[in-house]
Amino acid sequence: MKTTLFVICLLAAVSASAQTASYLVGPGMSGSNVQMFNHPQTATYQGMGLERNLLSGSQYTWAKGERPLWEFATPEESKPLGDVAREYRKEHANAKKAAVVHTN
């Protein structure tokens, strides 16, 4: 029991050190190869920039406003569920039945 617990602890320690070993020894074989860059104007207050046309030279047109749904959508006319069920029942009653039924 003690040997299995020792082996499990040893494997856990090896795997934990293997995860950090790639960070400590990088491509330059030194521990200081990570560089963090700082930009001083990242969070400073500035006025809004000037408007620019991103679609220069294209024939882009636009209109103001929205079209209501009733202008271009057609209402869907659906049958009541009871009528559909009656039609299926009539089709099933009039369907061709098997002439011979085999029973084992």
PDB file of N, CA and C in Angstrom:
ATOM      1  N   MET A   1       0.819  -1.188   0.000  1.00  0.00           N
ATOM      2  CA  MET A   1       0.000   0.000   0.000  1.00  0.00           C
ATOM      3  C   MET A   1       0.867   1.257   0.000  1.00  0.00           C
ATOM      4  N   LYS A   2       1.943   1.198   0.809  1.00  0.00           N
ATOM      5  CA  LYS A   2       2.824   2.356   0.879  1.00  0.00           C
ATOM      6  C   LYS A   2       3.558   2.582  -0.437  1.00  0.00           C
ATOM      7  N   THR A   3       3.925   1.502  -1.101  1.00  0.00           N
ATOM      8  CA  THR A   3       4.662   1.661  -2.354  1.00  0.00           C
ATOM      9  C   THR A   3       3.767   2.240  -3.454  1.00  0.00           C
ATOM     10  N   THR A   4       2.509   1.820  -3.511  1.00  0.00           N
ATOM     11  CA  THR A   4       1.620   2.381  -4.526  1.00  0.00           C
ATOM     12  C   THR A   4       1.346   3.861  -4.255  1.00  0.00           C
ATOM     13  N   LEU A   5       1.185   4.245  -2.991  1.00  0.00           N
ATOM     14  CA  LEU A   5       0.990   5.655  -2.647  1.00  0.00           C
ATOM     15  C   LEU A   5       2.234   6.466  -3.000  1.00  0.00           C
ATOM     16  N   PHE A   6       3.404   5.898  -2.763  1.00  0.00           N
ATOM     17  CA  PHE A   6       4.651   6.575  -3.109  1.00  0.00           C
ATOM     18  C   PHE A   6       4.783   6.753  -4.626  1.00  0.00           C
ATOM     19  N   VAL A   7       4.421   5.728  -5.384  1.00  0.00           N
ATOM     20  CA  VAL A   7       4.510   5.795  -6.841  1.00  0.00           C
ATOM     21  C   VAL A   7       3.537   6.844  -7.379  1.00  0.00           C
ATOM     22  N   ILE A   8       2.328   6.906  -6.839  1.00  0.00           N
ATOM     23  CA  ILE A   8       1.338   7.887  -7.277  1.00  0.00           C
ATOM     24  C   ILE A   8       1.819   9.305  -6.982  1.00  0.00           C
ATOM     25  N   CYS A   9       2.371   9.523  -5.788  1.00  0.00           N
ATOM     26  CA  CYS A   9       2.910  10.849  -5.444  1.00  0.00           C
ATOM     27  C   CYS A   9       4.090  11.216  -6.337  1.00  0.00           C
ATOM     28  N   LEU A  10       4.932  10.255  -6.639  1.00  0.00           N
ATOM     29  CA  LEU A  10       6.074  10.512  -7.511  1.00  0.00           C
ATOM     30  C   LEU A  10       5.619  10.882  -8.914  1.00  0.00           C
ATOM     31  N   LEU A  11       4.623  10.167  -9.462  1.00  0.00           N
ATOM     32  CA  LEU A  11       4.099  10.495 -10.789  1.00  0.00           C
ATOM     33  C   LEU A  11       3.427  11.866 -10.806  1.00  0.00           C
ATOM     34  N   ALA A  12       2.728  12.213  -9.746  1.00  0.00           N
ATOM     35  CA  ALA A  12       2.087  13.532  -9.679  1.00  0.00           C
ATOM     36  C   ALA A  12       3.137  14.634  -9.634  1.00  0.00           C
ATOM     37  N   ALA A  13       4.198  14.434  -8.898  1.00  0.00           N
ATOM     38  CA  ALA A  13       5.256  15.437  -8.823  1.00  0.00           C
ATOM     39  C   ALA A  13       5.978  15.590 -10.152  1.00  0.00           C
ATOM     40  N   VAL A  14       6.231  14.495 -10.835  1.00  0.00           N
ATOM     41  CA  VAL A  14       6.907  14.554 -12.133  1.00  0.00           C
ATOM     42  C   VAL A  14       6.030  15.256 -13.161  1.00  0.00           C
ATOM     43  N   SER A  15       4.733  14.946 -13.168  1.00  0.00           N
ATOM     44  CA  SER A  15       3.861  15.591 -14.148  1.00  0.00           C
ATOM     45  C   SER A  15       3.683  17.080 -13.845  1.00  0.00           C
ATOM     46  N   ALA A  16       3.667  17.463 -12.582  1.00  0.00           N
ATOM     47  CA  ALA A  16       3.555  18.885 -12.233  1.00  0.00           C
ATOM     48  C   ALA A  16       4.812  19.645 -12.633  1.00  0.00           C
ATOM     49  N   SER A  17       5.963  19.041 -12.444  1.00  0.00           N
ATOM     50  CA  SER A  17       7.198  19.733 -12.835  1.00  0.00           C
ATOM     51  C   SER A  17       7.356  19.756 -14.354  1.00  0.00           C
ATOM     52  N   ALA A  18       6.804  18.772 -15.053  1.00  0.00           N
ATOM     53  CA  ALA A  18       6.895  18.743 -16.516  1.00  0.00           C
ATOM     54  C   ALA A  18       6.053  19.847 -17.139  1.00  0.00           C
ATOM     55  N   GLN A  19       4.970  20.227 -16.462  1.00  0.00           N
ATOM     56  CA  GLN A  19       4.134  21.296 -16.993  1.00  0.00           C
ATOM     57  C   GLN A  19       4.824  22.650 -16.912  1.00  0.00           C
ATOM     58  N   THR A  20       5.591  22.886 -15.879  1.00  0.00           N
ATOM     59  CA  THR A  20       6.259  24.178 -15.724  1.00  0.00           C
ATOM     60  C   THR A  20       7.640  24.203 -16.361  1.00  0.00           C
ATOM     61  N   ALA A  21       8.194  23.079 -16.705  1.00  0.00           N
ATOM     62  CA  ALA A  21       9.551  23.045 -17.248  1.00  0.00           C
ATOM     63  C   ALA A  21       9.623  23.700 -18.613  1.00  0.00           C
ATOM     64  N   SER A  22       8.562  23.608 -19.419  1.00  0.00           N
ATOM     65  CA  SER A  22       8.602  24.226 -20.741  1.00  0.00           C
ATOM     66  C   SER A  22       8.584  25.749 -20.640  1.00  0.00           C
ATOM     67  N   TYR A  23       8.030  26.299 -19.592  1.00  0.00           N
ATOM     68  CA  TYR A  23       8.014  27.746 -19.411  1.00  0.00           C
ATOM     69  C   TYR A  23       9.365  28.242 -18.911  1.00  0.00           C
ATOM     70  N   LEU A  24       9.991  27.485 -18.052  1.00  0.00           N
ATOM     71  CA  LEU A  24      11.254  27.933 -17.468  1.00  0.00           C
ATOM     72  C   LEU A  24      12.397  27.871 -18.473  1.00  0.00           C
ATOM     73  N   VAL A  25      12.408  26.887 -19.335  1.00  0.00           N
ATOM     74  CA  VAL A  25      13.470  26.750 -20.324  1.00  0.00           C
ATOM     75  C   VAL A  25      12.832  26.952 -21.695  1.00  0.00           C
ATOM     76  N   GLY A  26      12.980  28.137 -22.236  1.00  0.00           N
ATOM     77  CA  GLY A  26      12.366  28.460 -23.515  1.00  0.00           C
ATOM     78  C   GLY A  26      13.329  28.286 -24.652  1.00  0.00           C
ATOM     79  N   PRO A  27      12.998  28.847 -25.823  1.00  0.00           N
ATOM     80  CA  PRO A  27      13.855  28.706 -26.991  1.00  0.00           C
ATOM     81  C   PRO A  27      15.224  29.348 -26.806  1.00  0.00           C
ATOM     82  N   GLY A  28      15.312  30.423 -26.019  1.00  0.00           N
ATOM     83  CA  GLY A  28      16.596  31.094 -25.815  1.00  0.00           C
ATOM     84  C   GLY A  28      17.366  30.542 -24.646  1.00  0.00           C
ATOM     85  N   MET A  29      16.891  29.469 -24.026  1.00  0.00           N
ATOM     86  CA  MET A  29      17.517  28.816 -22.877  1.00  0.00           C
ATOM     87  C   MET A  29      17.689  29.769 -21.699  1.00  0.00           C
ATOM     88  N   SER A  30      16.789  30.711 -21.562  1.00  0.00           N
ATOM     89  CA  SER A  30      16.826  31.580 -20.396  1.00  0.00           C
ATOM     90  C   SER A  30      15.403  31.731 -19.869  1.00  0.00           C
ATOM     91  N   GLY A  31      15.273  32.124 -18.636  1.00  0.00           N
ATOM     92  CA  GLY A  31      13.958  32.232 -18.032  1.00  0.00           C
ATOM     93  C   GLY A  31      13.267  33.558 -18.306  1.00  0.00           C
ATOM     94  N   SER A  32      13.913  34.500 -18.981  1.00  0.00           N
ATOM     95  CA  SER A  32      13.313  35.821 -19.181  1.00  0.00           C
ATOM     96  C   SER A  32      12.981  36.066 -20.652  1.00  0.00           C
ATOM     97  N   ASN A  33      12.345  35.125 -21.325  1.00  0.00           N
ATOM     98  CA  ASN A  33      12.030  35.308 -22.727  1.00  0.00           C
ATOM     99  C   ASN A  33      10.606  35.819 -22.939  1.00  0.00           C
ATOM    100  N   VAL A  34       9.828  36.068 -21.889  1.00  0.00           N
ATOM    101  CA  VAL A  34       8.483  36.583 -22.007  1.00  0.00           C
ATOM    102  C   VAL A  34       8.545  38.099 -21.894  1.00  0.00           C
ATOM    103  N   GLN A  35       8.025  38.783 -22.900  1.00  0.00           N
ATOM    104  CA  GLN A  35       8.041  40.242 -22.889  1.00  0.00           C
ATOM    105  C   GLN A  35       6.610  40.753 -22.952  1.00  0.00           C
ATOM    106  N   MET A  36       6.261  41.652 -22.047  1.00  0.00           N
ATOM    107  CA  MET A  36       4.950  42.268 -22.030  1.00  0.00           C
ATOM    108  C   MET A  36       5.108  43.697 -22.525  1.00  0.00           C
ATOM    109  N   PHE A  37       4.352  44.055 -23.553  1.00  0.00           N
ATOM    110  CA  PHE A  37       4.445  45.389 -24.111  1.00  0.00           C
ATOM    111  C   PHE A  37       3.371  46.277 -23.509  1.00  0.00           C
ATOM    112  N   ASN A  38       3.679  47.526 -23.326  1.00  0.00           N
ATOM    113  CA  ASN A  38       2.764  48.470 -22.725  1.00  0.00           C
ATOM    114  C   ASN A  38       2.542  49.616 -23.706  1.00  0.00           C
ATOM    115  N   HIS A  39       1.302  49.961 -23.924  1.00  0.00           N
ATOM    116  CA  HIS A  39       0.979  51.081 -24.787  1.00  0.00           C
ATOM    117  C   HIS A  39       0.341  52.153 -23.920  1.00  0.00           C
ATOM    118  N   PRO A  40       0.935  53.354 -23.814  1.00  0.00           N
ATOM    119  CA  PRO A  40       0.447  54.349 -22.861  1.00  0.00           C
ATOM    120  C   PRO A  40      -0.920  54.929 -23.220  1.00  0.00           C
ATOM    121  N   GLN A  41      -1.348  54.895 -24.481  1.00  0.00           N
ATOM    122  CA  GLN A  41      -2.620  55.498 -24.850  1.00  0.00           C
ATOM    123  C   GLN A  41      -3.736  54.459 -24.975  1.00  0.00           C
ATOM    124  N   THR A  42      -3.617  53.355 -24.309  1.00  0.00           N
ATOM    125  CA  THR A  42      -4.627  52.324 -24.431  1.00  0.00           C
ATOM    126  C   THR A  42      -5.950  52.768 -23.821  1.00  0.00           C
ATOM    127  N   ALA A  43      -5.930  53.351 -22.631  1.00  0.00           N
ATOM    128  CA  ALA A  43      -7.166  53.668 -21.927  1.00  0.00           C
ATOM    129  C   ALA A  43      -7.319  55.162 -21.660  1.00  0.00           C
ATOM    130  N   THR A  44      -6.779  55.987 -22.503  1.00  0.00           N
ATOM    131  CA  THR A  44      -6.930  57.421 -22.282  1.00  0.00           C
ATOM    132  C   THR A  44      -8.189  57.930 -22.953  1.00  0.00           C
ATOM    133  N   TYR A  45      -8.721  59.037 -22.448  1.00  0.00           N
ATOM    134  CA  TYR A  45      -9.926  59.649 -22.996  1.00  0.00           C
ATOM    135  C   TYR A  45      -9.566  60.407 -24.266  1.00  0.00           C
ATOM    136  N   GLN A  46     -10.327  60.146 -25.319  1.00  0.00           N
ATOM    137  CA  GLN A  46     -10.112  60.837 -26.583  1.00  0.00           C
ATOM    138  C   GLN A  46     -11.463  61.158 -27.184  1.00  0.00           C
ATOM    139  N   GLY A  47     -11.485  62.191 -28.012  1.00  0.00           N
ATOM    140  CA  GLY A  47     -12.701  62.507 -28.732  1.00  0.00           C
ATOM    141  C   GLY A  47     -12.928  61.500 -29.846  1.00  0.00           C
ATOM    142  N   MET A  48     -14.148  61.504 -30.375  1.00  0.00           N
ATOM    143  CA  MET A  48     -14.455  60.580 -31.459  1.00  0.00           C
ATOM    144  C   MET A  48     -13.744  61.011 -32.729  1.00  0.00           C
ATOM    145  N   GLY A  49     -13.361  60.055 -33.537  1.00  0.00           N
ATOM    146  CA  GLY A  49     -12.663  60.355 -34.777  1.00  0.00           C
ATOM    147  C   GLY A  49     -13.615  60.855 -35.847  1.00  0.00           C
ATOM    148  N   LEU A  50     -13.064  61.284 -36.954  1.00  0.00           N
ATOM    149  CA  LEU A  50     -13.874  61.773 -38.061  1.00  0.00           C
ATOM    150  C   LEU A  50     -14.508  60.610 -38.810  1.00  0.00           C
ATOM    151  N   GLU A  51     -15.650  60.898 -39.421  1.00  0.00           N
ATOM    152  CA  GLU A  51     -16.360  59.871 -40.171  1.00  0.00           C
ATOM    153  C   GLU A  51     -15.621  59.595 -41.478  1.00  0.00           C
ATOM    154  N   ARG A  52     -15.460  58.305 -41.790  1.00  0.00           N
ATOM    155  CA  ARG A  52     -14.803  57.916 -43.024  1.00  0.00           C
ATOM    156  C   ARG A  52     -15.693  56.961 -43.787  1.00  0.00           C
ATOM    157  N   ASN A  53     -15.698  57.070 -45.092  1.00  0.00           N
ATOM    158  CA  ASN A  53     -16.470  56.161 -45.928  1.00  0.00           C
ATOM    159  C   ASN A  53     -15.637  54.914 -46.183  1.00  0.00           C
ATOM    160  N   LEU A  54     -16.116  53.790 -45.701  1.00  0.00           N
ATOM    161  CA  LEU A  54     -15.388  52.539 -45.892  1.00  0.00           C
ATOM    162  C   LEU A  54     -15.646  51.932 -47.260  1.00  0.00           C
ATOM    163  N   LEU A  55     -16.718  52.379 -47.929  1.00  0.00           N
ATOM    164  CA  LEU A  55     -17.080  51.821 -49.222  1.00  0.00           C
ATOM    165  C   LEU A  55     -16.802  52.825 -50.329  1.00  0.00           C
ATOM    166  N   SER A  56     -15.639  53.375 -50.348  1.00  0.00           N
ATOM    167  CA  SER A  56     -15.325  54.381 -51.358  1.00  0.00           C
ATOM    168  C   SER A  56     -15.245  53.725 -52.735  1.00  0.00           C
ATOM    169  N   GLY A  57     -15.893  54.361 -53.704  1.00  0.00           N
ATOM    170  CA  GLY A  57     -15.854  53.860 -55.071  1.00  0.00           C
ATOM    171  C   GLY A  57     -16.897  52.806 -55.379  1.00  0.00           C
ATOM    172  N   SER A  58     -17.778  52.461 -54.450  1.00  0.00           N
ATOM    173  CA  SER A  58     -18.795  51.460 -54.732  1.00  0.00           C
ATOM    174  C   SER A  58     -20.157  52.139 -54.860  1.00  0.00           C
ATOM    175  N   GLN A  59     -21.085  51.462 -55.468  1.00  0.00           N
ATOM    176  CA  GLN A  59     -22.425  51.996 -55.664  1.00  0.00           C
ATOM    177  C   GLN A  59     -23.319  51.515 -54.530  1.00  0.00           C
ATOM    178  N   TYR A  60     -23.108  52.018 -53.359  1.00  0.00           N
ATOM    179  CA  TYR A  60     -23.868  51.610 -52.185  1.00  0.00           C
ATOM    180  C   TYR A  60     -24.961  52.639 -51.921  1.00  0.00           C
ATOM    181  N   THR A  61     -26.186  52.173 -51.803  1.00  0.00           N
ATOM    182  CA  THR A  61     -27.297  53.063 -51.480  1.00  0.00           C
ATOM    183  C   THR A  61     -27.915  52.627 -50.173  1.00  0.00           C
ATOM    184  N   TRP A  62     -28.500  53.576 -49.488  1.00  0.00           N
ATOM    185  CA  TRP A  62     -29.138  53.251 -48.226  1.00  0.00           C
ATOM    186  C   TRP A  62     -30.370  54.114 -48.067  1.00  0.00           C
ATOM    187  N   ALA A  63     -31.270  53.665 -47.240  1.00  0.00           N
ATOM    188  CA  ALA A  63     -32.498  54.396 -46.954  1.00  0.00           C
ATOM    189  C   ALA A  63     -32.698  54.430 -45.458  1.00  0.00           C
ATOM    190  N   LYS A  64     -33.469  55.384 -45.040  1.00  0.00           N
ATOM    191  CA  LYS A  64     -33.682  55.543 -43.615  1.00  0.00           C
ATOM    192  C   LYS A  64     -35.034  54.940 -43.242  1.00  0.00           C
ATOM    193  N   GLY A  65     -35.090  54.238 -42.124  1.00  0.00           N
ATOM    194  CA  GLY A  65     -36.340  53.689 -41.639  1.00  0.00           C
ATOM    195  C   GLY A  65     -36.425  52.188 -41.837  1.00  0.00           C
ATOM    196  N   GLU A  66     -37.519  51.638 -41.372  1.00  0.00           N
ATOM    197  CA  GLU A  66     -37.755  50.206 -41.468  1.00  0.00           C
ATOM    198  C   GLU A  66     -39.103  49.965 -42.110  1.00  0.00           C
ATOM    199  N   ARG A  67     -39.218  48.874 -42.815  1.00  0.00           N
ATOM    200  CA  ARG A  67     -40.508  48.495 -43.400  1.00  0.00           C
ATOM    201  C   ARG A  67     -41.253  47.622 -42.411  1.00  0.00           C
ATOM    202  N   PRO A  68     -42.516  47.915 -42.193  1.00  0.00           N
ATOM    203  CA  PRO A  68     -43.279  47.053 -41.301  1.00  0.00           C
ATOM    204  C   PRO A  68     -43.529  45.694 -41.940  1.00  0.00           C
ATOM    205  N   LEU A  69     -43.797  44.710 -41.116  1.00  0.00           N
ATOM    206  CA  LEU A  69     -43.951  43.341 -41.584  1.00  0.00           C
ATOM    207  C   LEU A  69     -45.144  43.188 -42.510  1.00  0.00           C
ATOM    208  N   TRP A  70     -46.204  43.935 -42.288  1.00  0.00           N
ATOM    209  CA  TRP A  70     -47.407  43.759 -43.096  1.00  0.00           C
ATOM    210  C   TRP A  70     -47.213  44.224 -44.534  1.00  0.00           C
ATOM    211  N   GLU A  71     -46.150  44.964 -44.831  1.00  0.00           N
ATOM    212  CA  GLU A  71     -45.941  45.436 -46.195  1.00  0.00           C
ATOM    213  C   GLU A  71     -45.442  44.333 -47.130  1.00  0.00           C
ATOM    214  N   PHE A  72     -44.671  43.423 -46.646  1.00  0.00           N
ATOM    215  CA  PHE A  72     -44.091  42.432 -47.552  1.00  0.00           C
ATOM    216  C   PHE A  72     -44.352  40.988 -47.147  1.00  0.00           C
ATOM    217  N   ALA A  73     -44.877  40.728 -45.975  1.00  0.00           N
ATOM    218  CA  ALA A  73     -45.132  39.349 -45.556  1.00  0.00           C
ATOM    219  C   ALA A  73     -46.577  38.976 -45.864  1.00  0.00           C
ATOM    220  N   THR A  74     -46.775  37.759 -46.344  1.00  0.00           N
ATOM    221  CA  THR A  74     -48.127  37.285 -46.597  1.00  0.00           C
ATOM    222  C   THR A  74     -48.541  36.394 -45.434  1.00  0.00           C
ATOM    223  N   PRO A  75     -49.780  36.521 -44.989  1.00  0.00           N
ATOM    224  CA  PRO A  75     -50.212  35.676 -43.868  1.00  0.00           C
ATOM    225  C   PRO A  75     -50.315  34.220 -44.306  1.00  0.00           C
ATOM    226  N   GLU A  76     -49.941  33.337 -43.445  1.00  0.00           N
ATOM    227  CA  GLU A  76     -49.965  31.911 -43.739  1.00  0.00           C
ATOM    228  C   GLU A  76     -51.359  31.374 -43.443  1.00  0.00           C
ATOM    229  N   GLU A  77     -51.955  30.740 -44.415  1.00  0.00           N
ATOM    230  CA  GLU A  77     -53.274  30.155 -44.234  1.00  0.00           C
ATOM    231  C   GLU A  77     -53.101  28.673 -43.969  1.00  0.00           C
ATOM    232  N   SER A  78     -53.408  28.261 -42.768  1.00  0.00           N
ATOM    233  CA  SER A  78     -53.230  26.861 -42.405  1.00  0.00           C
ATOM    234  C   SER A  78     -54.588  26.246 -42.077  1.00  0.00           C
ATOM    235  N   LYS A  79     -54.685  24.950 -42.297  1.00  0.00           N
ATOM    236  CA  LYS A  79     -55.913  24.227 -41.998  1.00  0.00           C
ATOM    237  C   LYS A  79     -55.972  23.931 -40.508  1.00  0.00           C
ATOM    238  N   PRO A  80     -57.164  23.871 -39.970  1.00  0.00           N
ATOM    239  CA  PRO A  80     -57.280  23.448 -38.578  1.00  0.00           C
ATOM    240  C   PRO A  80     -56.824  22.000 -38.418  1.00  0.00           C
ATOM    241  N   LEU A  81     -56.333  21.685 -37.259  1.00  0.00           N
ATOM    242  CA  LEU A  81     -55.783  20.355 -37.006  1.00  0.00           C
ATOM    243  C   LEU A  81     -56.854  19.271 -37.099  1.00  0.00           C
ATOM    244  N   GLY A  82     -58.078  19.591 -36.715  1.00  0.00           N
ATOM    245  CA  GLY A  82     -59.166  18.616 -36.798  1.00  0.00           C
ATOM    246  C   GLY A  82     -59.458  18.226 -38.233  1.00  0.00           C
ATOM    247  N   ASP A  83     -59.435  19.222 -39.156  1.00  0.00           N
ATOM    248  CA  ASP A  83     -59.682  18.919 -40.572  1.00  0.00           C
ATOM    249  C   ASP A  83     -58.590  18.028 -41.149  1.00  0.00           C
ATOM    250  N   VAL A  84     -57.363  18.285 -40.770  1.00  0.00           N
ATOM    251  CA  VAL A  84     -56.244  17.465 -41.248  1.00  0.00           C
ATOM    252  C   VAL A  84     -56.396  16.034 -40.732  1.00  0.00           C
ATOM    253  N   ALA A  85     -56.793  15.880 -39.474  1.00  0.00           N
ATOM    254  CA  ALA A  85     -56.963  14.544 -38.911  1.00  0.00           C
ATOM    255  C   ALA A  85     -58.095  13.802 -39.624  1.00  0.00           C
ATOM    256  N   ARG A  86     -59.203  14.492 -39.960  1.00  0.00           N
ATOM    257  CA  ARG A  86     -60.301  13.850 -40.684  1.00  0.00           C
ATOM    258  C   ARG A  86     -59.864  13.390 -42.066  1.00  0.00           C
ATOM    259  N   GLU A  87     -59.064  14.201 -42.759  1.00  0.00           N
ATOM    260  CA  GLU A  87     -58.557  13.816 -44.082  1.00  0.00           C
ATOM    261  C   GLU A  87     -57.677  12.578 -43.998  1.00  0.00           C
ATOM    262  N   TYR A  88     -56.796  12.525 -43.003  1.00  0.00           N
ATOM    263  CA  TYR A  88     -55.934  11.348 -42.833  1.00  0.00           C
ATOM    264  C   TYR A  88     -56.762  10.113 -42.515  1.00  0.00           C
ATOM    265  N   ARG A  89     -57.800  10.264 -41.722  1.00  0.00           N
ATOM    266  CA  ARG A  89     -58.648   9.135 -41.382  1.00  0.00           C
ATOM    267  C   ARG A  89     -59.371   8.612 -42.621  1.00  0.00           C
ATOM    268  N   LYS A  90     -59.857   9.512 -43.484  1.00  0.00           N
ATOM    269  CA  LYS A  90     -60.523   9.085 -44.725  1.00  0.00           C
ATOM    270  C   LYS A  90     -59.543   8.379 -45.657  1.00  0.00           C
ATOM    271  N   GLU A  91     -58.322   8.911 -45.777  1.00  0.00           N
ATOM    272  CA  GLU A  91     -57.309   8.267 -46.622  1.00  0.00           C
ATOM    273  C   GLU A  91     -56.969   6.878 -46.096  1.00  0.00           C
ATOM    274  N   HIS A  92     -56.904   6.754 -44.773  1.00  0.00           N
ATOM    275  CA  HIS A  92     -56.571   5.457 -44.193  1.00  0.00           C
ATOM    276  C   HIS A  92     -57.708   4.464 -44.403  1.00  0.00           C
ATOM    277  N   ALA A  93     -58.948   4.934 -44.325  1.00  0.00           N
ATOM    278  CA  ALA A  93     -60.099   4.032 -44.512  1.00  0.00           C
ATOM    279  C   ALA A  93     -60.201   3.583 -45.966  1.00  0.00           C
ATOM    280  N   ASN A  94     -59.842   4.449 -46.906  1.00  0.00           N
ATOM    281  CA  ASN A  94     -59.947   4.124 -48.325  1.00  0.00           C
ATOM    282  C   ASN A  94     -58.679   3.480 -48.886  1.00  0.00           C
ATOM    283  N   ALA A  95     -57.680   3.298 -48.073  1.00  0.00           N
ATOM    284  CA  ALA A  95     -56.420   2.727 -48.557  1.00  0.00           C
ATOM    285  C   ALA A  95     -56.607   1.256 -48.911  1.00  0.00           C
ATOM    286  N   LYS A  96     -55.761   0.781 -49.813  1.00  0.00           N
ATOM    287  CA  LYS A  96     -55.838  -0.601 -50.279  1.00  0.00           C
ATOM    288  C   LYS A  96     -55.364  -1.534 -49.165  1.00  0.00           C
ATOM    289  N   LYS A  97     -56.188  -2.508 -48.882  1.00  0.00           N
ATOM    290  CA  LYS A  97     -55.861  -3.462 -47.804  1.00  0.00           C
ATOM    291  C   LYS A  97     -55.226  -4.701 -48.412  1.00  0.00           C
ATOM    292  N   ALA A  98     -54.548  -5.459 -47.567  1.00  0.00           N
ATOM    293  CA  ALA A  98     -53.925  -6.716 -48.011  1.00  0.00           C
ATOM    294  C   ALA A  98     -55.014  -7.750 -48.254  1.00  0.00           C
ATOM    295  N   ALA A  99     -54.888  -8.504 -49.332  1.00  0.00           N
ATOM    296  CA  ALA A  99     -55.898  -9.498 -49.693  1.00  0.00           C
ATOM    297  C   ALA A  99     -55.768 -10.744 -48.841  1.00  0.00           C
ATOM    298  N   VAL A 100     -54.523 -11.136 -48.523  1.00  0.00           N
ATOM    299  CA  VAL A 100     -54.289 -12.367 -47.779  1.00  0.00           C
ATOM    300  C   VAL A 100     -53.453 -12.036 -46.551  1.00  0.00           C
ATOM    301  N   VAL A 101     -53.870 -12.565 -45.415  1.00  0.00           N
ATOM    302  CA  VAL A 101     -53.121 -12.359 -44.179  1.00  0.00           C
ATOM    303  C   VAL A 101     -52.558 -13.705 -43.742  1.00  0.00           C
ATOM    304  N   HIS A 102     -51.261 -13.829 -43.617  1.00  0.00           N
ATOM    305  CA  HIS A 102     -50.615 -15.077 -43.201  1.00  0.00           C
ATOM    306  C   HIS A 102     -50.391 -15.041 -41.696  1.00  0.00           C
ATOM    307  N   THR A 103     -50.792 -16.094 -41.039  1.00  0.00           N
ATOM    308  CA  THR A 103     -50.589 -16.211 -39.600  1.00  0.00           C
ATOM    309  C   THR A 103     -49.808 -17.488 -39.343  1.00  0.00           C
ATOM    310  N   ASN A 104     -48.736 -17.419 -38.607  1.00  0.00           N
ATOM    311  CA  ASN A 104     -47.923 -18.604 -38.299  1.00  0.00           C
ATOM    312  C   ASN A 104     -48.418 -19.263 -37.045  1.00  0.00           C
TER     313      ASN A 104
END
